[in-house]
Amino acid sequence: MLVKEIMTKEVVTIEPKNTAFDAGIKYRDKKVGCLVVVDKKVCVGIVTERDLIERTLCMRKDPEKTKIAEIMSSNIKTIYALEKVEKAIEIMKKHKIKKLPVILGENIIGIITVTDISNARPEISRRFIDSWVKPQWRD
């Protein structure tokens, strides 16, 4: 099974020049787990809710003045749309991430998450959860 077959095609994006406040509005309106940061359709980073909290609010920065470029995670891992789902799992495990932007050429065309994989491939999701996600959970 290929990544493009199970990825989420509706990617919510934000530009590096936008503010943390803008990101908060997008999170509220779109109800997503992350925002992919793009510059001219090229993925340059990712912003999670945790980034907003830890890098803006906890640092007492003004969300209306703090640019996404200041708080985003850069050096982002991506996967090519025609790769197999197992390759996505391998990247996620290696880098301890749960979301992986999907590219075709340099353009972002989707995102694949642990949830996408679990829904599409229940036979491998159990092994995945047992080997990677479950050991990270803390009671």
C-alpha atoms as a PDB file:
ATOM      1  CA  MET A   1       0.000   0.000   0.000  1.00  0.00           C
ATOM      2  CA  LEU A   2       1.325   3.427  -0.958  1.00  0.00           C
ATOM      3  CA  VAL A   3       1.373   6.527   1.235  1.00  0.00           C
ATOM      4  CA  LYS A   4      -0.762   8.480  -1.259  1.00  0.00           C
ATOM      5  CA  GLU A   5      -3.548   5.903  -0.879  1.00  0.00           C
ATOM      6  CA  ILE A   6      -4.092   6.545   2.831  1.00  0.00           C
ATOM      7  CA  MET A   7      -2.786  10.067   3.435  1.00  0.00           C
ATOM      8  CA  THR A   8      -5.053  12.927   4.385  1.00  0.00           C
ATOM      9  CA  LYS A   9      -5.278  15.144   1.337  1.00  0.00           C
ATOM     10  CA  GLU A  10      -6.717  18.212   3.049  1.00  0.00           C
ATOM     11  CA  VAL A  11      -3.604  19.705   4.635  1.00  0.00           C
ATOM     12  CA  VAL A  12      -4.040  22.855   6.676  1.00  0.00           C
ATOM     13  CA  THR A  13      -1.084  25.123   6.044  1.00  0.00           C
ATOM     14  CA  ILE A  14       0.282  28.368   7.374  1.00  0.00           C
ATOM     15  CA  GLU A  15       3.065  30.654   6.182  1.00  0.00           C
ATOM     16  CA  PRO A  16       6.185  31.476   8.218  1.00  0.00           C
ATOM     17  CA  LYS A  17       5.258  35.184   8.236  1.00  0.00           C
ATOM     18  CA  ASN A  18       1.910  34.500   9.958  1.00  0.00           C
ATOM     19  CA  THR A  19       1.649  34.815  13.734  1.00  0.00           C
ATOM     20  CA  ALA A  20       1.088  32.358  16.558  1.00  0.00           C
ATOM     21  CA  PHE A  21      -2.305  34.028  17.002  1.00  0.00           C
ATOM     22  CA  ASP A  22      -3.139  33.221  13.352  1.00  0.00           C
ATOM     23  CA  ALA A  23      -2.167  29.599  14.050  1.00  0.00           C
ATOM     24  CA  GLY A  24      -4.457  29.510  17.079  1.00  0.00           C
ATOM     25  CA  ILE A  25      -7.362  30.700  14.944  1.00  0.00           C
ATOM     26  CA  LYS A  26      -6.638  27.999  12.337  1.00  0.00           C
ATOM     27  CA  TYR A  27      -6.504  25.335  15.045  1.00  0.00           C
ATOM     28  CA  ARG A  28      -9.841  26.503  16.418  1.00  0.00           C
ATOM     29  CA  ASP A  29     -11.536  26.665  13.022  1.00  0.00           C
ATOM     30  CA  LYS A  30     -10.041  23.596  11.321  1.00  0.00           C
ATOM     31  CA  LYS A  31      -9.664  21.264  14.341  1.00  0.00           C
ATOM     32  CA  VAL A  32      -6.415  19.664  13.172  1.00  0.00           C
ATOM     33  CA  GLY A  33      -3.430  18.164  14.987  1.00  0.00           C
ATOM     34  CA  CYS A  34      -0.798  20.272  13.258  1.00  0.00           C
ATOM     35  CA  LEU A  35      -0.244  23.013  10.752  1.00  0.00           C
ATOM     36  CA  VAL A  36       2.236  22.475   7.949  1.00  0.00           C
ATOM     37  CA  VAL A  37       4.343  25.564   7.352  1.00  0.00           C
ATOM     38  CA  VAL A  38       4.772  26.298   3.661  1.00  0.00           C
ATOM     39  CA  ASP A  39       6.605  28.876   1.642  1.00  0.00           C
ATOM     40  CA  LYS A  40       5.369  28.893  -1.972  1.00  0.00           C
ATOM     41  CA  LYS A  41       3.883  25.368  -1.589  1.00  0.00           C
ATOM     42  CA  VAL A  42       7.199  23.991  -0.281  1.00  0.00           C
ATOM     43  CA  CYS A  43       7.114  22.446   3.188  1.00  0.00           C
ATOM     44  CA  VAL A  44       9.534  24.351   5.446  1.00  0.00           C
ATOM     45  CA  GLY A  45       8.277  23.291   8.869  1.00  0.00           C
ATOM     46  CA  ILE A  46       5.467  22.152  11.098  1.00  0.00           C
ATOM     47  CA  VAL A  47       3.700  23.733  14.065  1.00  0.00           C
ATOM     48  CA  THR A  48       1.909  21.621  16.648  1.00  0.00           C
ATOM     49  CA  GLU A  49      -0.341  22.740  19.473  1.00  0.00           C
ATOM     50  CA  ARG A  50       2.522  21.883  21.799  1.00  0.00           C
ATOM     51  CA  ASP A  51       4.820  24.262  19.888  1.00  0.00           C
ATOM     52  CA  LEU A  52       2.280  27.045  20.382  1.00  0.00           C
ATOM     53  CA  ILE A  53       2.086  26.396  24.094  1.00  0.00           C
ATOM     54  CA  GLU A  54       5.752  25.772  24.841  1.00  0.00           C
ATOM     55  CA  ARG A  55       7.342  28.270  22.474  1.00  0.00           C
ATOM     56  CA  THR A  56       4.849  31.089  22.792  1.00  0.00           C
ATOM     57  CA  LEU A  57       2.728  30.994  25.914  1.00  0.00           C
ATOM     58  CA  CYS A  58       5.259  29.379  28.253  1.00  0.00           C
ATOM     59  CA  MET A  59       7.944  31.772  27.021  1.00  0.00           C
ATOM     60  CA  ARG A  60       5.511  34.670  27.601  1.00  0.00           C
ATOM     61  CA  LYS A  61       5.743  35.834  24.022  1.00  0.00           C
ATOM     62  CA  ASP A  62       2.953  37.891  22.511  1.00  0.00           C
ATOM     63  CA  PRO A  63       0.990  35.536  20.193  1.00  0.00           C
ATOM     64  CA  GLU A  64      -0.004  38.489  18.012  1.00  0.00           C
ATOM     65  CA  LYS A  65       3.646  39.423  17.397  1.00  0.00           C
ATOM     66  CA  THR A  66       5.380  36.035  17.432  1.00  0.00           C
ATOM     67  CA  LYS A  67       5.947  34.786  13.891  1.00  0.00           C
ATOM     68  CA  ILE A  68       5.455  31.138  12.972  1.00  0.00           C
ATOM     69  CA  ALA A  69       9.051  31.085  11.725  1.00  0.00           C
ATOM     70  CA  GLU A  70      10.142  31.642  15.363  1.00  0.00           C
ATOM     71  CA  ILE A  71       8.225  28.705  16.834  1.00  0.00           C
ATOM     72  CA  MET A  72       7.943  26.114  14.066  1.00  0.00           C
ATOM     73  CA  SER A  73       9.932  22.900  13.986  1.00  0.00           C
ATOM     74  CA  SER A  74      12.161  23.081  10.953  1.00  0.00           C
ATOM     75  CA  ASN A  75      14.393  20.444   9.361  1.00  0.00           C
ATOM     76  CA  ILE A  76      11.132  18.599   8.883  1.00  0.00           C
ATOM     77  CA  LYS A  77      10.936  14.966   7.823  1.00  0.00           C
ATOM     78  CA  THR A  78       8.769  14.283   4.791  1.00  0.00           C
ATOM     79  CA  ILE A  79       7.858  11.285   2.688  1.00  0.00           C
ATOM     80  CA  TYR A  80       7.332  10.911  -1.023  1.00  0.00           C
ATOM     81  CA  ALA A  81       3.747  10.086  -2.040  1.00  0.00           C
ATOM     82  CA  LEU A  82       4.756   6.916  -3.900  1.00  0.00           C
ATOM     83  CA  GLU A  83       6.621   5.345  -0.969  1.00  0.00           C
ATOM     84  CA  LYS A  84       5.150   2.359   0.839  1.00  0.00           C
ATOM     85  CA  VAL A  85       3.361   2.853   4.150  1.00  0.00           C
ATOM     86  CA  GLU A  86       6.039   0.729   5.847  1.00  0.00           C
ATOM     87  CA  LYS A  87       8.602   3.397   4.920  1.00  0.00           C
ATOM     88  CA  ALA A  88       6.452   6.036   6.648  1.00  0.00           C
ATOM     89  CA  ILE A  89       6.334   3.869   9.775  1.00  0.00           C
ATOM     90  CA  GLU A  90      10.095   3.442   9.667  1.00  0.00           C
ATOM     91  CA  ILE A  91      10.641   7.228   9.472  1.00  0.00           C
ATOM     92  CA  MET A  92       8.135   7.905  12.249  1.00  0.00           C
ATOM     93  CA  LYS A  93       9.759   5.367  14.553  1.00  0.00           C
ATOM     94  CA  LYS A  94      13.293   6.547  13.825  1.00  0.00           C
ATOM     95  CA  HIS A  95      12.501  10.217  14.452  1.00  0.00           C
ATOM     96  CA  LYS A  96       9.787   9.685  17.103  1.00  0.00           C
ATOM     97  CA  ILE A  97       7.148  11.653  15.228  1.00  0.00           C
ATOM     98  CA  LYS A  98       3.454  11.022  14.628  1.00  0.00           C
ATOM     99  CA  LYS A  99       2.820  13.196  11.577  1.00  0.00           C
ATOM    100  CA  LEU A 100       4.651  13.157   8.279  1.00  0.00           C
ATOM    101  CA  PRO A 101       4.009  15.643   5.444  1.00  0.00           C
ATOM    102  CA  VAL A 102       3.667  13.965   2.048  1.00  0.00           C
ATOM    103  CA  ILE A 103       5.360  15.527  -0.951  1.00  0.00           C
ATOM    104  CA  LEU A 104       5.364  15.133  -4.698  1.00  0.00           C
ATOM    105  CA  GLY A 105       8.392  16.869  -6.133  1.00  0.00           C
ATOM    106  CA  GLU A 106       8.865  19.733  -3.675  1.00  0.00           C
ATOM    107  CA  ASN A 107       5.158  20.446  -3.186  1.00  0.00           C
ATOM    108  CA  ILE A 108       3.148  19.250  -0.226  1.00  0.00           C
ATOM    109  CA  ILE A 109       0.148  17.193  -1.279  1.00  0.00           C
ATOM    110  CA  GLY A 110      -0.927  15.539   1.965  1.00  0.00           C
ATOM    111  CA  ILE A 111      -0.032  14.365   5.437  1.00  0.00           C
ATOM    112  CA  ILE A 112       0.099  10.877   6.890  1.00  0.00           C
ATOM    113  CA  THR A 113      -0.374  10.266  10.604  1.00  0.00           C
ATOM    114  CA  VAL A 114      -0.256   7.359  13.011  1.00  0.00           C
ATOM    115  CA  THR A 115      -4.063   7.433  12.966  1.00  0.00           C
ATOM    116  CA  ASP A 116      -4.169   7.162   9.160  1.00  0.00           C
ATOM    117  CA  ILE A 117      -1.918   4.116   9.332  1.00  0.00           C
ATOM    118  CA  SER A 118      -3.947   2.494  12.112  1.00  0.00           C
ATOM    119  CA  ASN A 119      -7.190   2.976  10.217  1.00  0.00           C
ATOM    120  CA  ALA A 120      -5.828   1.688   6.907  1.00  0.00           C
ATOM    121  CA  ARG A 121      -3.605  -1.132   8.122  1.00  0.00           C
ATOM    122  CA  PRO A 122      -5.000  -2.573  11.352  1.00  0.00           C
ATOM    123  CA  GLU A 123      -2.862  -5.700  10.958  1.00  0.00           C
ATOM    124  CA  ILE A 124       0.354  -3.699  11.309  1.00  0.00           C
ATOM    125  CA  SER A 125      -0.908  -0.999  13.637  1.00  0.00           C
ATOM    126  CA  ARG A 126      -0.872  -3.354  16.636  1.00  0.00           C
ATOM    127  CA  ARG A 127       2.832  -4.106  16.100  1.00  0.00           C
ATOM    128  CA  PHE A 128       3.485  -0.419  15.564  1.00  0.00           C
ATOM    129  CA  ILE A 129       1.714   0.581  18.770  1.00  0.00           C
ATOM    130  CA  ASP A 130       3.415  -2.150  20.785  1.00  0.00           C
ATOM    131  CA  SER A 131       6.884  -1.375  19.464  1.00  0.00           C
ATOM    132  CA  TRP A 132       6.876   2.409  19.432  1.00  0.00           C
ATOM    133  CA  VAL A 133       3.873   4.323  20.709  1.00  0.00           C
ATOM    134  CA  LYS A 134       3.052   2.222  23.762  1.00  0.00           C
ATOM    135  CA  PRO A 135       6.527   2.410  25.379  1.00  0.00           C
ATOM    136  CA  GLN A 136       6.294   6.225  25.219  1.00  0.00           C
ATOM    137  CA  TRP A 137       2.976   6.393  27.071  1.00  0.00           C
ATOM    138  CA  ARG A 138       3.231   7.317  30.718  1.00  0.00           C
ATOM    139  CA  ASP A 139       0.504   6.459  33.198  1.00  0.00           C
END
